[in-house]
C-alpha atoms as a PDB file:
ATOM      1  CA  MET A   1      53.372  -3.215 -75.714  1.00  0.00           C
ATOM      2  CA  THR A   2      56.402  -1.113 -76.621  1.00  0.00           C
ATOM      3  CA  VAL A   3      56.070   2.629 -77.122  1.00  0.00           C
ATOM      4  CA  THR A   4      58.793   4.591 -78.850  1.00  0.00           C
ATOM      5  CA  VAL A   5      59.160   8.197 -77.767  1.00  0.00           C
ATOM      6  CA  THR A   6      61.576  10.692 -79.248  1.00  0.00           C
ATOM      7  CA  GLU A   7      63.714  12.863 -76.978  1.00  0.00           C
ATOM      8  CA  GLU A   8      61.702  15.933 -77.979  1.00  0.00           C
ATOM      9  CA  GLU A   9      58.412  14.194 -77.153  1.00  0.00           C
ATOM     10  CA  LEU A  10      59.828  13.002 -73.830  1.00  0.00           C
ATOM     11  CA  GLN A  11      60.845  16.538 -72.920  1.00  0.00           C
ATOM     12  CA  LYS A  12      57.339  17.786 -73.705  1.00  0.00           C
ATOM     13  CA  ILE A  13      55.772  15.027 -71.604  1.00  0.00           C
ATOM     14  CA  VAL A  14      58.060  15.812 -68.669  1.00  0.00           C
ATOM     15  CA  ALA A  15      57.437  19.552 -69.081  1.00  0.00           C
ATOM     16  CA  ARG A  16      53.668  19.002 -68.951  1.00  0.00           C
ATOM     17  CA  ALA A  17      53.993  16.744 -65.890  1.00  0.00           C
ATOM     18  CA  VAL A  18      56.155  19.270 -64.067  1.00  0.00           C
ATOM     19  CA  ARG A  19      53.742  22.069 -64.924  1.00  0.00           C
ATOM     20  CA  MET A  20      50.761  20.087 -63.645  1.00  0.00           C
ATOM     21  CA  ALA A  21      52.572  19.124 -60.437  1.00  0.00           C
ATOM     22  CA  LEU A  22      53.552  22.720 -59.731  1.00  0.00           C
ATOM     23  CA  LYS A  23      49.992  23.887 -60.263  1.00  0.00           C
ATOM     24  CA  GLU A  24      48.716  21.172 -57.957  1.00  0.00           C
ATOM     25  CA  VAL A  25      50.887  22.232 -55.026  1.00  0.00           C
ATOM     26  CA  LYS A  26      50.257  25.906 -55.843  1.00  0.00           C
ATOM     27  CA  ASP A  27      53.952  26.770 -55.980  1.00  0.00           C
ATOM     28  CA  ILE A  28      53.413  28.866 -59.078  1.00  0.00           C
ATOM     29  CA  GLU A  29      50.539  30.806 -60.510  1.00  0.00           C
ATOM     30  CA  GLU A  30      49.015  29.894 -63.851  1.00  0.00           C
ATOM     31  CA  GLN A  31      51.179  31.320 -66.614  1.00  0.00           C
ATOM     32  CA  PRO A  32      49.446  32.972 -69.561  1.00  0.00           C
ATOM     33  CA  ASN A  33      52.037  31.642 -71.982  1.00  0.00           C
ATOM     34  CA  GLU A  34      52.516  27.901 -71.452  1.00  0.00           C
ATOM     35  CA  THR A  35      55.393  27.635 -73.887  1.00  0.00           C
ATOM     36  CA  LYS A  36      57.537  29.721 -71.537  1.00  0.00           C
ATOM     37  CA  ILE A  37      57.310  27.040 -68.851  1.00  0.00           C
ATOM     38  CA  GLU A  38      58.168  24.312 -71.360  1.00  0.00           C
ATOM     39  CA  GLU A  39      61.120  26.310 -72.623  1.00  0.00           C
ATOM     40  CA  VAL A  40      62.472  26.692 -69.086  1.00  0.00           C
ATOM     41  CA  VAL A  41      61.978  22.997 -68.330  1.00  0.00           C
ATOM     42  CA  ASP A  42      63.515  22.018 -71.681  1.00  0.00           C
ATOM     43  CA  LYS A  43      66.626  24.071 -70.909  1.00  0.00           C
ATOM     44  CA  LYS A  44      66.923  22.490 -67.483  1.00  0.00           C
ATOM     45  CA  LEU A  45      66.579  18.997 -68.953  1.00  0.00           C
ATOM     46  CA  ALA A  46      69.278  19.768 -71.478  1.00  0.00           C
ATOM     47  CA  THR A  47      71.771  20.655 -68.752  1.00  0.00           C
ATOM     48  CA  SER A  48      70.596  18.804 -65.635  1.00  0.00           C
ATOM     49  CA  PHE A  49      72.068  15.389 -66.383  1.00  0.00           C
ATOM     50  CA  LYS A  50      75.490  16.361 -67.659  1.00  0.00           C
ATOM     51  CA  PRO A  51      77.996  14.381 -65.565  1.00  0.00           C
ATOM     52  CA  LEU A  52      80.942  15.993 -63.843  1.00  0.00           C
ATOM     53  CA  SER A  53      84.321  15.077 -65.288  1.00  0.00           C
ATOM     54  CA  PRO A  54      86.782  13.109 -63.108  1.00  0.00           C
ATOM     55  CA  LYS A  55      88.820  16.299 -62.690  1.00  0.00           C
ATOM     56  CA  GLU A  56      85.732  18.283 -61.625  1.00  0.00           C
ATOM     57  CA  ILE A  57      84.777  15.553 -59.148  1.00  0.00           C
ATOM     58  CA  ASP A  58      88.281  15.627 -57.633  1.00  0.00           C
ATOM     59  CA  GLU A  59      88.128  19.408 -57.329  1.00  0.00           C
ATOM     60  CA  ALA A  60      84.673  19.252 -55.725  1.00  0.00           C
ATOM     61  CA  MET A  61      85.791  16.577 -53.244  1.00  0.00           C
ATOM     62  CA  ASN A  62      88.918  18.559 -52.346  1.00  0.00           C
ATOM     63  CA  LEU A  63      86.825  21.686 -51.787  1.00  0.00           C
ATOM     64  CA  MET A  64      84.403  19.807 -49.533  1.00  0.00           C
ATOM     65  CA  ALA A  65      87.277  18.177 -47.639  1.00  0.00           C
ATOM     66  CA  SER A  66      88.862  21.579 -47.021  1.00  0.00           C
ATOM     67  CA  ASN A  67      85.636  22.689 -45.307  1.00  0.00           C
ATOM     68  CA  ARG A  68      85.305  19.718 -42.966  1.00  0.00           C
ATOM     69  CA  GLY A  69      85.390  20.704 -39.316  1.00  0.00           C
ATOM     70  CA  LYS A  70      84.997  24.410 -40.054  1.00  0.00           C
ATOM     71  CA  ASP A  71      81.363  24.694 -39.024  1.00  0.00           C
ATOM     72  CA  ASN A  72      82.429  25.830 -35.565  1.00  0.00           C
ATOM     73  CA  GLU A  73      84.205  28.917 -36.888  1.00  0.00           C
ATOM     74  CA  PRO A  74      82.787  32.328 -35.876  1.00  0.00           C
ATOM     75  CA  LYS A  75      80.089  33.633 -38.193  1.00  0.00           C
ATOM     76  CA  VAL A  76      78.331  36.788 -39.289  1.00  0.00           C
ATOM     77  CA  GLY A  77      74.706  36.921 -40.357  1.00  0.00           C
ATOM     78  CA  ILE A  78      71.121  37.738 -39.461  1.00  0.00           C
ATOM     79  CA  PHE A  79      68.448  36.244 -37.218  1.00  0.00           C
ATOM     80  CA  TRP A  80      65.068  36.693 -35.582  1.00  0.00           C
ATOM     81  CA  TYR A  81      64.285  35.873 -31.973  1.00  0.00           C
ATOM     82  CA  ASN A  82      61.110  34.119 -30.800  1.00  0.00           C
ATOM     83  CA  PRO A  83      60.541  35.140 -27.147  1.00  0.00           C
ATOM     84  CA  SER A  84      57.731  32.632 -26.471  1.00  0.00           C
ATOM     85  CA  ASP A  85      59.966  29.675 -27.352  1.00  0.00           C
ATOM     86  CA  ASN A  86      63.271  31.370 -26.463  1.00  0.00           C
ATOM     87  CA  GLU A  87      64.843  30.408 -29.775  1.00  0.00           C
ATOM     88  CA  LEU A  88      66.303  31.962 -32.882  1.00  0.00           C
ATOM     89  CA  PHE A  89      64.788  31.426 -36.316  1.00  0.00           C
ATOM     90  CA  GLY A  90      65.385  32.600 -39.854  1.00  0.00           C
ATOM     91  CA  VAL A  91      69.132  32.413 -39.231  1.00  0.00           C
ATOM     92  CA  ARG A  92      71.407  33.136 -42.193  1.00  0.00           C
ATOM     93  CA  SER A  93      75.075  32.824 -41.306  1.00  0.00           C
ATOM     94  CA  HIS A  94      78.454  32.715 -43.023  1.00  0.00           C
ATOM     95  CA  ARG A  95      81.889  31.958 -41.653  1.00  0.00           C
ATOM     96  CA  VAL A  96      84.080  35.035 -41.464  1.00  0.00           C
ATOM     97  CA  THR A  97      86.812  33.124 -43.292  1.00  0.00           C
ATOM     98  CA  ASP A  98      84.493  32.791 -46.312  1.00  0.00           C
ATOM     99  CA  TYR A  99      85.133  36.453 -47.018  1.00  0.00           C
ATOM    100  CA  VAL A 100      88.329  37.286 -48.859  1.00  0.00           C
ATOM    101  CA  LYS A 101      87.863  40.978 -48.138  1.00  0.00           C
ATOM    102  CA  PRO A 102      85.319  43.065 -46.210  1.00  0.00           C
ATOM    103  CA  ASN A 103      82.059  43.449 -48.108  1.00  0.00           C
ATOM    104  CA  SER A 104      80.958  46.633 -46.418  1.00  0.00           C
ATOM    105  CA  ARG A 105      82.516  49.635 -44.738  1.00  0.00           C
ATOM    106  CA  THR A 106      80.986  50.839 -41.508  1.00  0.00           C
ATOM    107  CA  GLU A 107      82.364  52.506 -38.417  1.00  0.00           C
ATOM    108  CA  PHE A 108      81.730  49.565 -36.098  1.00  0.00           C
ATOM    109  CA  GLY A 109      81.978  46.567 -38.402  1.00  0.00           C
ATOM    110  CA  SER A 110      83.223  45.875 -41.873  1.00  0.00           C
ATOM    111  CA  VAL A 111      81.929  42.383 -42.617  1.00  0.00           C
ATOM    112  CA  SER A 112      78.387  41.024 -42.633  1.00  0.00           C
ATOM    113  CA  CYS A 113      76.313  38.697 -44.770  1.00  0.00           C
ATOM    114  CA  SER A 114      74.570  39.991 -47.889  1.00  0.00           C
ATOM    115  CA  GLU A 115      71.117  38.651 -46.970  1.00  0.00           C
ATOM    116  CA  MET A 116      68.507  41.206 -45.908  1.00  0.00           C
ATOM    117  CA  HIS A 117      65.829  40.527 -43.297  1.00  0.00           C
ATOM    118  CA  GLU A 118      63.030  41.705 -45.577  1.00  0.00           C
ATOM    119  CA  ASP A 119      64.056  39.420 -48.453  1.00  0.00           C
ATOM    120  CA  VAL A 120      64.550  36.355 -46.277  1.00  0.00           C
ATOM    121  CA  TRP A 121      61.184  36.942 -44.585  1.00  0.00           C
ATOM    122  CA  LYS A 122      59.327  37.128 -47.921  1.00  0.00           C
ATOM    123  CA  LYS A 123      60.859  33.893 -49.126  1.00  0.00           C
ATOM    124  CA  GLU A 124      60.238  31.996 -45.896  1.00  0.00           C
ATOM    125  CA  PHE A 125      56.725  33.434 -45.538  1.00  0.00           C
ATOM    126  CA  HIS A 126      55.721  31.999 -48.936  1.00  0.00           C
ATOM    127  CA  ARG A 127      57.437  28.677 -48.259  1.00  0.00           C
ATOM    128  CA  GLN A 128      55.628  28.393 -44.930  1.00  0.00           C
ATOM    129  CA  LYS A 129      52.308  29.302 -46.574  1.00  0.00           C
ATOM    130  CA  TYR A 130      52.509  26.566 -49.198  1.00  0.00           C
ATOM    131  CA  LYS A 131      54.316  23.826 -47.306  1.00  0.00           C
ATOM    132  CA  ASN A 132      53.024  24.215 -43.752  1.00  0.00           C
ATOM    133  CA  GLY A 133      49.593  25.668 -44.340  1.00  0.00           C
ATOM    134  CA  GLY A 134      50.716  29.000 -42.921  1.00  0.00           C
ATOM    135  CA  ILE A 135      51.787  27.519 -39.606  1.00  0.00           C
ATOM    136  CA  GLY A 136      55.152  28.731 -38.365  1.00  0.00           C
ATOM    137  CA  PRO A 137      57.074  31.739 -37.081  1.00  0.00           C
ATOM    138  CA  TYR A 138      56.735  33.868 -40.228  1.00  0.00           C
ATOM    139  CA  VAL A 139      53.516  35.687 -39.329  1.00  0.00           C
ATOM    140  CA  GLY A 140      52.855  39.338 -40.075  1.00  0.00           C
ATOM    141  CA  ALA A 141      55.571  41.769 -41.102  1.00  0.00           C
ATOM    142  CA  TYR A 142      59.272  41.008 -40.806  1.00  0.00           C
ATOM    143  CA  GLU A 143      59.958  44.058 -38.647  1.00  0.00           C
ATOM    144  CA  MET A 144      57.405  43.065 -36.010  1.00  0.00           C
ATOM    145  CA  LYS A 145      59.611  40.323 -34.542  1.00  0.00           C
ATOM    146  CA  PRO A 146      62.855  40.902 -32.617  1.00  0.00           C
ATOM    147  CA  ARG A 147      65.750  40.705 -35.042  1.00  0.00           C
ATOM    148  CA  GLY A 148      69.433  41.493 -35.368  1.00  0.00           C
ATOM    149  CA  ARG A 149      72.616  41.234 -37.381  1.00  0.00           C
ATOM    150  CA  ILE A 150      76.171  40.129 -36.628  1.00  0.00           C
ATOM    151  CA  PHE A 151      79.076  42.221 -37.928  1.00  0.00           C
ATOM    152  CA  TYR A 152      82.818  41.601 -37.722  1.00  0.00           C
ATOM    153  CA  ASN A 153      85.619  44.139 -37.823  1.00  0.00           C
ATOM    154  CA  PRO A 154      88.830  42.518 -39.155  1.00  0.00           C
ATOM    155  CA  GLU A 155      90.971  45.389 -37.889  1.00  0.00           C
ATOM    156  CA  THR A 156      89.847  45.162 -34.261  1.00  0.00           C
ATOM    157  CA  GLU A 157      88.835  41.476 -34.469  1.00  0.00           C
ATOM    158  CA  VAL A 158      85.618  42.314 -32.640  1.00  0.00           C
ATOM    159  CA  PHE A 159      82.184  40.891 -33.444  1.00  0.00           C
ATOM    160  CA  THR A 160      79.203  43.193 -32.996  1.00  0.00           C
ATOM    161  CA  ILE A 161      75.762  41.817 -32.198  1.00  0.00           C
ATOM    162  CA  ALA A 162      73.534  44.616 -33.485  1.00  0.00           C
ATOM    163  CA  VAL A 163      69.989  44.486 -32.100  1.00  0.00           C
ATOM    164  CA  GLY A 164      67.093  46.741 -31.193  1.00  0.00           C
ATOM    165  CA  SER A 165      66.100  47.906 -27.728  1.00  0.00           C
ATOM    166  CA  TRP A 166      64.061  44.691 -27.448  1.00  0.00           C
ATOM    167  CA  ILE A 167      67.222  43.032 -26.108  1.00  0.00           C
ATOM    168  CA  GLU A 168      66.694  44.803 -22.772  1.00  0.00           C
ATOM    169  CA  GLN A 169      63.464  42.848 -22.308  1.00  0.00           C
ATOM    170  CA  TYR A 170      64.968  39.572 -23.543  1.00  0.00           C
ATOM    171  CA  PRO A 171      68.644  39.526 -22.446  1.00  0.00           C
ATOM    172  CA  GLN A 172      68.574  35.709 -22.514  1.00  0.00           C
ATOM    173  CA  ALA A 173      68.685  35.964 -26.317  1.00  0.00           C
ATOM    174  CA  VAL A 174      72.357  36.969 -26.173  1.00  0.00           C
ATOM    175  CA  GLU A 175      73.427  33.496 -25.074  1.00  0.00           C
ATOM    176  CA  LEU A 176      71.509  31.924 -27.980  1.00  0.00           C
ATOM    177  CA  ILE A 177      73.065  34.346 -30.466  1.00  0.00           C
ATOM    178  CA  VAL A 178      76.590  33.712 -29.179  1.00  0.00           C
ATOM    179  CA  GLU A 179      76.068  29.968 -29.470  1.00  0.00           C
ATOM    180  CA  GLU A 180      74.413  30.096 -32.908  1.00  0.00           C
ATOM    181  CA  PHE A 181      77.153  32.247 -34.437  1.00  0.00           C
ATOM    182  CA  ASN A 182      80.031  30.510 -32.598  1.00  0.00           C
ATOM    183  CA  LEU A 183      81.157  33.660 -30.807  1.00  0.00           C
ATOM    184  CA  LYS A 184      81.977  32.094 -27.426  1.00  0.00           C
ATOM    185  CA  ASP A 185      85.747  32.213 -27.914  1.00  0.00           C
ATOM    186  CA  THR A 186      85.770  35.599 -29.634  1.00  0.00           C
ATOM    187  CA  THR A 187      85.651  39.204 -28.500  1.00  0.00           C
ATOM    188  CA  TYR A 188      82.111  40.420 -29.035  1.00  0.00           C
ATOM    189  CA  GLU A 189      79.894  43.301 -27.985  1.00  0.00           C
ATOM    190  CA  VAL A 190      76.134  43.842 -27.968  1.00  0.00           C
ATOM    191  CA  ARG A 191      75.085  47.183 -29.461  1.00  0.00           C
ATOM    192  CA  THR A 192      71.590  48.607 -29.902  1.00  0.00           C
ATOM    193  CA  ALA A 193      70.265  50.760 -32.734  1.00  0.00           C
ATOM    194  CA  HIS A 194      66.844  52.044 -33.742  1.00  0.00           C
ATOM    195  CA  HIS A 195      67.092  50.230 -37.090  1.00  0.00           C
ATOM    196  CA  TRP A 196      66.557  46.840 -35.390  1.00  0.00           C
ATOM    197  CA  ASP A 197      63.790  47.996 -33.044  1.00  0.00           C
ATOM    198  CA  ILE A 198      60.477  46.159 -33.308  1.00  0.00           C
ATOM    199  CA  GLY A 199      58.287  47.918 -35.862  1.00  0.00           C
ATOM    200  CA  GLN A 200      61.189  49.703 -37.524  1.00  0.00           C
ATOM    201  CA  LYS A 201      61.417  49.104 -41.281  1.00  0.00           C
ATOM    202  CA  TRP A 202      64.327  49.853 -43.558  1.00  0.00           C
ATOM    203  CA  ASN A 203      64.516  53.538 -44.394  1.00  0.00           C
END
């Protein structure tokens, strides 16, 4: 039996299927206005399958090729430390060379990533809740786990590992941080501040 379906009907069928699948895995809450979901899905379908032009493909391949082998460059970013497993988690890092100019101005460091601990924690907490049944490192409040941030000062060429006083209890974390952010062959310092102390929120 052959069934003919118009493009509009196909989009509606796919939209309904996507909506049902999302509800099933509880990734979204029930929306009061169902047409909004269909509109979003319809827009995505209209743009999702547009092929790249040969020129765009060449440009993309050249960009990717220019980044090969650069993963070992020094990085700035944020992290949490898990003392029981002696490992970092929630790492967000960016190569210093990704920044054309400093994105912040501070006395001890002028470059860091834009991600915030609180925002990353919220996102990962929800992902862990729905995908891992709540099992994982994201338990409780973001400020209740040891955390820190890496800064870089282009003028002095010094990296700063900014952490709370928790580092005094877990000095072994420094080696993990240096390795994770590729700081071994750089000049770096470990500095403490109340902001990154356990229990200290943003204020």
